[in-house]
């Protein structure tokens, strides 16, 4: 296995030249979890008027400097229904939380400190100037920079954009990722199948990885092991303007591995196709015009692990985002033998002790076709090439999956 490309170098080559995609405008209601493409400034101030922070009475502070005192009640101000008059000496306006403070008033006495009457209100506690009033522009003023480009639009950011009167937002276009499964042995879930066929499963897990990374998955279905079928699928990928084409299986050099020849005939610039990784050695990467090609192994576990390692950071790079995998330090829950020249990603169950220590216990069987253990695993133990044998209790590095 000489000449295998190290994992870190393979990832660096995949990310090289992965530029942030162009911007598009979407409705605010569709902008959740998208990446803001341009700085966002306030179109208005918030609040747009001095507003009461409490239920009570709008007064002039000088009128309630000595208590108890009685003020004439001249009206009320509620949210969406402002009092249109002016508060003069000896007067008060009933006011509710969020309502505009009427002209002439400079403070709000909370209702607990009053004794209301029909046409007057008795104030029993003094109040300082501007007490219980949110001044106009307290949150932000027109023209203020509220959100910087590159911000992932979480719930608070969306609410802020709405408050600043932005019905649409400029966001980075989501990478379009076309997913193509290959192989005569594959059928879709629910279809009739022969005894020598299996259910195609990889595409569904990969589509979710794409979605979580911020991309849009395009399912191209299953292509038979024929050049004509592969060419038809490639035509579909090109027609969808895919930024990334992910193929599953068929990228090696066996008699039935036709993905590389089909892509080469289209002019694909092959970068590499074998890496020092377990599981996932037969991984291919190339470029076809403006489309990046990522050929993943056909084994389900291999394809999912490779997608976590390579596809997720590629999608995030196209969104202009850094990729920070959830790497943690744990202790081994059982002994592990020596490793060979391939970097190993070992499915494991990660548990947390009362003192916060993580324990990573590898599953006894690591066959790359076994999805059950992949679904049970919440992390991967990362073992460097040529790692020596490790005993239970020794430190290890883990990539958390969930």
Protein backbone atom coordinates (compact mmCIF):
# COMPACT_ATOMS: atom_id res chain seq x y z
CA UNK A 1 0.00 0.00 0.00
CA UNK A 2 2.81 2.37 -0.80
CA UNK A 3 1.99 5.74 -2.25
CA UNK A 4 -1.26 6.23 -0.33
CA UNK A 5 -2.09 9.88 0.26
CA UNK A 6 -2.25 10.89 3.93
CA UNK A 7 -5.67 11.98 5.19
CA UNK A 8 -4.61 15.54 6.04
CA UNK A 9 -3.06 16.06 2.61
CA UNK A 10 -6.12 14.61 0.88
CA UNK A 11 -8.37 17.00 2.79
CA UNK A 12 -6.10 19.95 1.95
CA UNK A 13 -6.24 19.08 -1.76
CA UNK A 14 -10.02 18.81 -1.67
CA UNK A 15 -10.33 22.19 0.02
CA UNK A 16 -7.80 23.91 -2.23
CA UNK A 17 -9.61 26.37 -4.45
CA UNK A 18 -12.95 25.83 -2.71
CA UNK A 19 -14.18 29.41 -2.93
CA UNK A 20 -17.25 30.87 -1.29
CA UNK A 21 -20.24 30.70 -3.61
CA UNK A 22 -22.18 33.68 -4.90
CA UNK A 23 -25.05 35.33 -3.02
CA UNK A 24 -28.78 35.06 -3.50
CA UNK A 25 -31.74 36.86 -1.97
CA UNK A 26 -34.28 34.80 -0.05
CA UNK A 27 -37.35 35.65 2.05
CA UNK A 28 -36.63 36.08 5.73
CA UNK A 29 -38.87 33.09 6.42
CA UNK A 30 -36.55 30.88 4.34
CA UNK A 31 -33.24 32.21 5.71
CA UNK A 32 -32.94 30.01 8.80
CA UNK A 33 -29.47 28.42 9.19
CA UNK A 34 -28.28 30.15 6.01
CA UNK A 35 -25.06 32.18 5.88
CA UNK A 36 -25.43 35.95 5.65
CA UNK A 37 -23.64 37.18 2.52
CA UNK A 38 -23.48 40.91 3.29
CA UNK A 39 -23.38 43.10 6.37
CA UNK A 40 -26.86 43.88 7.66
CA UNK A 41 -27.71 47.42 8.80
CA UNK A 42 -30.83 48.64 10.56
CA UNK A 43 -33.43 50.32 8.37
CA UNK A 44 -35.08 51.89 11.42
CA UNK A 45 -34.51 52.46 15.11
CA UNK A 46 -35.80 50.11 17.77
CA UNK A 47 -37.84 50.90 19.69
CA UNK A 48 -39.06 53.64 17.33
CA UNK A 49 -40.43 55.64 20.25
CA UNK A 50 -39.93 55.95 24.00
CA UNK A 51 -41.84 52.99 25.38
CA UNK A 52 -43.04 51.96 28.78
CA UNK A 53 -41.22 49.01 30.32
CA UNK A 54 -44.00 48.36 32.84
CA UNK A 55 -47.73 48.62 33.37
CA UNK A 56 -48.49 51.78 35.34
CA UNK A 57 -48.94 55.51 34.86
CA UNK A 58 -47.01 57.96 32.72
CA UNK A 59 -46.22 61.06 34.78
CA UNK A 60 -43.86 63.98 35.16
CA UNK A 61 -41.26 63.08 37.79
CA UNK A 62 -41.45 66.56 39.31
CA UNK A 63 -45.17 66.03 40.03
CA UNK A 64 -44.49 62.96 42.20
CA UNK A 65 -41.43 64.24 44.08
CA UNK A 66 -43.58 64.33 47.23
CA UNK A 67 -45.97 61.48 47.97
CA UNK A 68 -48.70 60.63 48.46
CA UNK A 69 -50.09 62.87 45.75
CA UNK A 70 -53.10 62.79 43.45
CA UNK A 71 -52.94 63.30 39.66
CA UNK A 72 -55.73 63.80 37.17
CA UNK A 73 -56.19 60.80 34.85
CA UNK A 74 -56.55 62.10 31.27
CA UNK A 75 -56.42 58.94 29.15
CA UNK A 76 -54.49 55.77 28.41
CA UNK A 77 -51.71 54.53 26.11
CA UNK A 78 -51.60 50.90 24.99
CA UNK A 79 -49.36 49.03 22.54
CA UNK A 80 -50.54 50.00 19.08
CA UNK A 81 -52.88 52.66 20.50
CA UNK A 82 -50.86 55.68 21.60
CA UNK A 83 -52.32 58.53 23.64
CA UNK A 84 -52.37 61.54 21.31
CA UNK A 85 -52.49 64.31 23.88
CA UNK A 86 -49.89 65.97 26.12
CA UNK A 87 -49.31 65.32 29.82
CA UNK A 88 -49.23 68.62 31.68
CA UNK A 89 -48.55 69.45 35.31
CA UNK A 90 -50.72 67.46 37.70
CA UNK A 91 -51.79 64.94 35.06
CA UNK A 92 -51.18 61.23 34.39
CA UNK A 93 -51.92 58.71 31.64
CA UNK A 94 -52.66 55.03 32.25
CA UNK A 95 -49.98 53.15 30.31
CA UNK A 96 -49.22 49.54 29.48
CA UNK A 97 -45.97 47.69 28.72
CA UNK A 98 -44.67 48.48 25.25
CA UNK A 99 -46.95 51.48 24.75
CA UNK A 100 -45.58 54.87 23.61
CA UNK A 101 -44.86 57.30 26.44
CA UNK A 102 -47.03 60.38 25.78
CA UNK A 103 -45.55 63.80 25.14
CA UNK A 104 -44.86 65.68 28.37
CA UNK A 105 -44.39 62.55 30.53
CA UNK A 106 -40.85 61.61 31.53
CA UNK A 107 -41.34 58.67 33.91
CA UNK A 108 -43.61 55.71 34.58
CA UNK A 109 -44.89 54.81 38.04
CA UNK A 110 -45.59 51.08 38.27
CA UNK A 111 -49.18 50.23 39.06
CA UNK A 112 -48.22 48.53 42.34
CA UNK A 113 -47.22 51.96 43.67
CA UNK A 114 -50.59 53.59 42.93
CA UNK A 115 -54.17 53.67 44.13
CA UNK A 116 -56.33 54.14 41.01
CA UNK A 117 -59.62 55.97 40.98
CA UNK A 118 -62.22 56.80 38.33
CA UNK A 119 -60.83 60.16 37.24
CA UNK A 120 -57.62 60.38 39.21
CA UNK A 121 -54.79 58.21 40.50
CA UNK A 122 -53.00 58.43 43.86
CA UNK A 123 -49.22 57.97 43.70
CA UNK A 124 -47.76 56.44 46.87
CA UNK A 125 -44.09 56.04 45.81
CA UNK A 126 -41.78 58.58 44.21
CA UNK A 127 -40.13 57.83 40.87
CA UNK A 128 -36.87 59.07 39.37
CA UNK A 129 -36.57 60.79 36.02
CA UNK A 130 -36.88 58.34 33.04
CA UNK A 131 -37.69 55.44 35.35
CA UNK A 132 -39.35 52.44 33.63
CA UNK A 133 -38.98 53.97 30.17
CA UNK A 134 -37.15 52.39 27.27
CA UNK A 135 -35.79 55.30 25.26
CA UNK A 136 -36.18 55.42 21.48
CA UNK A 137 -33.29 53.58 19.82
CA UNK A 138 -32.37 51.73 23.02
CA UNK A 139 -31.85 48.50 21.05
CA UNK A 140 -30.44 50.00 17.84
CA UNK A 141 -30.62 53.08 15.65
CA UNK A 142 -31.15 53.45 11.92
CA UNK A 143 -27.96 52.62 10.05
CA UNK A 144 -26.39 50.58 12.88
CA UNK A 145 -24.44 47.48 11.84
CA UNK A 146 -26.43 44.61 13.31
CA UNK A 147 -25.06 41.44 11.71
CA UNK A 148 -21.79 40.86 9.87
CA UNK A 149 -21.41 38.83 6.70
CA UNK A 150 -20.62 35.22 7.50
CA UNK A 151 -23.08 34.99 10.39
CA UNK A 152 -25.10 31.81 10.41
CA UNK A 153 -28.69 32.96 10.76
CA UNK A 154 -29.83 31.45 14.02
CA UNK A 155 -33.16 32.28 15.73
CA UNK A 156 -31.84 35.44 17.43
CA UNK A 157 -30.26 36.74 14.21
CA UNK A 158 -33.49 36.15 12.27
CA UNK A 159 -35.53 37.99 14.88
CA UNK A 160 -33.06 40.89 14.85
CA UNK A 161 -33.23 41.13 11.05
CA UNK A 162 -37.01 41.18 11.20
CA UNK A 163 -36.99 43.86 13.88
CA UNK A 164 -34.74 45.97 11.65
CA UNK A 165 -37.34 45.73 8.86
CA UNK A 166 -35.62 43.29 6.48
CA UNK A 167 -38.22 41.10 4.72
CA UNK A 168 -35.48 39.49 2.60
CA UNK A 169 -31.83 38.71 3.21
CA UNK A 170 -28.76 38.20 1.06
CA UNK A 171 -27.32 34.78 1.84
CA UNK A 172 -24.57 32.60 0.41
CA UNK A 173 -25.97 30.14 -2.10
CA UNK A 174 -26.12 26.63 -0.72
CA UNK A 175 -23.76 24.21 -2.47
CA UNK A 176 -25.70 21.83 -4.69
CA UNK A 177 -24.49 18.29 -4.05
CA UNK A 178 -25.58 15.62 -6.52
CA UNK A 179 -25.44 12.10 -5.09
CA UNK A 180 -25.15 9.13 -7.43
CA UNK A 181 -25.16 5.52 -6.26
CA UNK A 182 -23.71 2.99 -8.71
CA UNK A 183 -23.92 -0.76 -9.00
CA UNK A 184 -26.04 -3.50 -10.55
CA UNK A 185 -26.48 -4.98 -7.08
CA UNK A 186 -28.41 -1.99 -5.73
CA UNK A 187 -32.15 -1.36 -5.51
CA UNK A 188 -34.05 1.38 -3.70
CA UNK A 189 -35.90 0.70 -0.44
CA UNK A 190 -39.33 -0.83 -1.10
CA UNK A 191 -38.45 -2.19 -4.55
CA UNK A 192 -38.49 -5.84 -5.49
CA UNK A 193 -35.02 -7.31 -5.41
CA UNK A 194 -33.27 -10.47 -6.49
CA UNK A 195 -31.40 -12.70 -4.04
CA UNK A 196 -28.11 -11.24 -5.29
CA UNK A 197 -29.12 -7.61 -4.70
CA UNK A 198 -28.99 -5.30 -1.68
CA UNK A 199 -30.80 -2.12 -0.61
CA UNK A 200 -29.06 1.13 -1.52
CA UNK A 201 -28.66 2.96 1.80
CA UNK A 202 -25.72 5.37 1.47
CA UNK A 203 -27.57 8.15 -0.36
CA UNK A 204 -29.97 8.77 2.50
CA UNK A 205 -27.29 9.20 5.14
CA UNK A 206 -25.18 11.34 2.82
CA UNK A 207 -28.12 13.61 2.00
CA UNK A 208 -28.56 14.30 5.71
CA UNK A 209 -24.84 15.03 6.12
CA UNK A 210 -25.13 17.47 3.21
CA UNK A 211 -28.17 19.14 4.78
CA UNK A 212 -26.53 19.50 8.18
CA UNK A 213 -23.40 20.98 6.61
CA UNK A 214 -25.51 23.61 4.84
CA UNK A 215 -25.82 22.18 1.34
CA UNK A 216 -28.68 21.03 -0.85
CA UNK A 217 -28.72 17.34 -1.74
CA UNK A 218 -29.82 16.21 -5.22
CA UNK A 219 -30.56 12.49 -5.47
CA UNK A 220 -29.58 11.14 -8.89
CA UNK A 221 -30.73 7.65 -7.99
CA UNK A 222 -28.86 4.47 -8.93
CA UNK A 223 -26.83 3.99 -12.10
CA UNK A 224 -26.18 0.52 -13.43
CA UNK A 225 -22.64 -0.62 -14.13
CA UNK A 226 -22.81 0.47 -17.76
CA UNK A 227 -21.08 3.44 -19.34
CA UNK A 228 -24.34 4.51 -20.97
CA UNK A 229 -26.12 4.60 -17.61
CA UNK A 230 -23.26 6.50 -15.99
CA UNK A 231 -23.18 9.01 -18.82
CA UNK A 232 -26.91 9.61 -18.46
CA UNK A 233 -26.41 10.23 -14.73
CA UNK A 234 -23.53 12.62 -15.40
CA UNK A 235 -25.76 14.52 -17.82
CA UNK A 236 -28.27 14.88 -14.97
CA UNK A 237 -25.59 16.15 -12.60
CA UNK A 238 -24.49 18.77 -15.11
CA UNK A 239 -28.10 19.75 -15.83
CA UNK A 240 -28.71 20.44 -12.14
CA UNK A 241 -25.68 22.79 -12.00
CA UNK A 242 -24.25 20.68 -9.20
CA UNK A 243 -21.26 22.19 -7.43
CA UNK A 244 -20.20 18.79 -6.11
CA UNK A 245 -20.88 15.34 -7.54
CA UNK A 246 -20.62 12.53 -5.01
CA UNK A 247 -20.44 9.05 -6.49
CA UNK A 248 -20.89 5.94 -4.39
CA UNK A 249 -18.91 2.89 -5.42
CA UNK A 250 -17.39 2.01 -8.76
CA UNK A 251 -14.42 4.37 -8.46
CA UNK A 252 -11.71 1.72 -8.14
CA UNK A 253 -10.05 -0.13 -11.02
CA UNK A 254 -11.97 -3.42 -11.16
CA UNK A 255 -13.69 -4.72 -14.29
CA UNK A 256 -17.02 -3.32 -13.10
CA UNK A 257 -15.64 -0.04 -11.71
CA UNK A 258 -16.60 2.32 -14.50
CA UNK A 259 -16.96 5.65 -12.69
CA UNK A 260 -13.38 6.76 -13.34
CA UNK A 261 -13.45 5.86 -17.07
CA UNK A 262 -16.80 7.60 -17.54
CA UNK A 263 -15.55 10.76 -15.85
CA UNK A 264 -12.18 10.64 -17.61
CA UNK A 265 -13.97 10.49 -20.96
CA UNK A 266 -15.76 13.71 -19.96
CA UNK A 267 -12.45 15.41 -19.23
CA UNK A 268 -12.24 15.04 -15.47
CA UNK A 269 -8.95 16.21 -13.98
CA UNK A 270 -8.13 13.44 -11.51
CA UNK A 271 -6.33 14.60 -8.38
CA UNK A 272 -6.09 11.33 -6.42
CA UNK A 273 -8.02 8.14 -5.86
CA UNK A 274 -6.41 6.22 -3.00
CA UNK A 275 -5.71 7.51 0.50
CA UNK A 276 -4.19 6.14 3.70
CA UNK A 277 -7.53 5.82 5.48
CA UNK A 278 -9.49 3.04 7.11
CA UNK A 279 -12.29 2.74 6.23
CA UNK A 280 -12.23 4.54 2.90
CA UNK A 281 -8.99 3.81 1.04
CA UNK A 282 -10.57 3.88 -2.47
CA UNK A 283 -11.55 7.55 -2.32
CA UNK A 284 -11.37 9.58 -5.52
CA UNK A 285 -11.22 13.33 -5.99
CA UNK A 286 -11.16 15.31 -9.21
CA UNK A 287 -12.64 18.28 -11.06
CA UNK A 288 -14.87 18.41 -14.11
CA UNK A 289 -15.18 21.94 -15.42
CA UNK A 290 -16.53 23.83 -12.38
CA UNK A 291 -17.81 20.73 -10.59
CA UNK A 292 -15.85 18.97 -7.87
CA UNK A 293 -16.00 15.17 -7.98
CA UNK A 294 -15.83 13.17 -4.77
CA UNK A 295 -15.90 9.42 -5.37
CA UNK A 296 -16.71 7.65 -2.11
CA UNK A 297 -16.40 3.94 -1.42
CA UNK A 298 -19.50 1.82 -1.89
CA UNK A 299 -19.43 0.33 1.60
CA UNK A 300 -21.99 2.25 3.69
CA UNK A 301 -19.79 2.90 6.72
CA UNK A 302 -16.85 3.98 4.56
CA UNK A 303 -18.97 6.45 2.62
CA UNK A 304 -20.47 8.01 5.76
CA UNK A 305 -17.12 8.36 7.54
CA UNK A 306 -15.46 9.80 4.44
CA UNK A 307 -18.33 12.28 4.11
CA UNK A 308 -17.78 13.48 7.68
CA UNK A 309 -14.05 13.88 7.06
CA UNK A 310 -14.04 15.37 3.55
CA UNK A 311 -17.49 16.38 2.29
CA UNK A 312 -18.60 18.41 5.31
CA UNK A 313 -15.53 20.70 5.33
CA UNK A 314 -15.82 21.14 1.54
CA UNK A 315 -19.43 22.30 1.82
CA UNK A 316 -18.58 24.65 4.67
CA UNK A 317 -15.68 26.12 2.68
CA UNK A 318 -18.07 26.87 -0.18
CA UNK A 319 -20.27 28.69 2.34
CA UNK A 320 -17.31 30.73 3.53
CA UNK A 321 -17.37 29.02 6.93
CA UNK A 322 -14.51 27.44 8.86
CA UNK A 323 -14.76 23.79 9.71
CA UNK A 324 -14.21 22.89 13.34
CA UNK A 325 -14.87 19.17 13.83
CA UNK A 326 -15.91 18.16 17.33
CA UNK A 327 -12.60 16.63 18.43
CA UNK A 328 -12.21 15.65 22.07
CA UNK A 329 -9.83 13.76 24.31
CA UNK A 330 -11.05 10.56 25.91
CA UNK A 331 -9.65 7.44 27.55
CA UNK A 332 -9.89 4.03 25.96
CA UNK A 333 -12.47 1.65 27.34
CA UNK A 334 -10.58 -1.40 26.07
CA UNK A 335 -7.18 -2.35 24.68
CA UNK A 336 -6.33 -1.60 21.04
CA UNK A 337 -3.62 -3.23 18.95
CA UNK A 338 -1.00 -1.60 16.76
CA UNK A 339 -2.10 0.28 13.66
CA UNK A 340 -0.67 0.03 10.15
CA UNK A 341 0.13 2.87 7.72
CA UNK A 342 -3.48 3.96 7.33
CA UNK A 343 -5.16 6.49 9.63
CA UNK A 344 -7.97 4.60 11.33
CA UNK A 345 -11.40 5.92 12.32
CA UNK A 346 -12.78 3.36 14.74
CA UNK A 347 -16.47 3.28 15.57
CA UNK A 348 -16.93 3.64 19.30
CA UNK A 349 -19.42 4.27 22.05
CA UNK A 350 -18.50 7.41 24.00
CA UNK A 351 -19.72 7.69 27.59
CA UNK A 352 -19.27 10.47 30.14
CA UNK A 353 -18.42 9.78 33.76
CA UNK A 354 -19.55 11.84 36.76
CA UNK A 355 -16.32 13.87 36.68
CA UNK A 356 -16.75 14.66 32.97
CA UNK A 357 -14.17 12.19 31.69
CA UNK A 358 -15.02 10.68 28.31
CA UNK A 359 -14.50 6.97 27.79
CA UNK A 360 -14.34 5.63 24.23
CA UNK A 361 -15.02 1.93 23.85
CA UNK A 362 -14.50 0.58 20.32
CA UNK A 363 -16.91 -1.94 18.88
CA UNK A 364 -15.30 -5.35 18.54
CA UNK A 365 -16.22 -5.66 14.86
CA UNK A 366 -15.27 -2.81 12.50
CA UNK A 367 -16.31 -4.23 9.11
CA UNK A 368 -17.09 -1.31 6.81
CA UNK A 369 -20.33 -2.87 5.56
CA UNK A 370 -21.97 -2.97 8.99
CA UNK A 371 -24.32 -0.03 9.50
CA UNK A 372 -25.76 -1.21 12.82
CA UNK A 373 -22.59 -0.33 14.76
CA UNK A 374 -22.29 2.92 12.81
CA UNK A 375 -25.77 3.89 13.99
CA UNK A 376 -24.91 2.92 17.56
CA UNK A 377 -21.58 4.78 17.53
CA UNK A 378 -21.62 8.36 18.74
CA UNK A 379 -17.93 8.91 18.03
CA UNK A 380 -14.88 7.69 16.15
CA UNK A 381 -11.54 6.96 17.75
CA UNK A 382 -8.83 8.47 15.55
CA UNK A 383 -5.67 6.39 15.38
CA UNK A 384 -2.69 7.83 13.58
CA UNK A 385 -0.69 5.73 11.11
CA UNK A 386 1.69 3.29 12.81
CA UNK A 387 0.16 3.96 16.24
CA UNK A 388 1.50 1.55 18.84
CA UNK A 389 -0.72 -0.72 20.90
CA UNK A 390 -2.73 1.13 23.56
CA UNK A 391 -4.12 -0.16 26.82
CA UNK A 392 -7.51 0.59 28.33
CA UNK A 393 -7.34 3.85 30.26
CA UNK A 394 -4.81 5.50 27.96
CA UNK A 395 -5.63 8.79 26.24
CA UNK A 396 -7.09 8.87 22.74
CA UNK A 397 -8.56 11.40 20.34
CA UNK A 398 -12.19 11.07 19.29
CA UNK A 399 -14.32 12.71 16.62
CA UNK A 400 -17.82 13.12 18.03
CA UNK A 401 -20.66 12.27 15.65
CA UNK A 402 -23.58 13.14 17.91
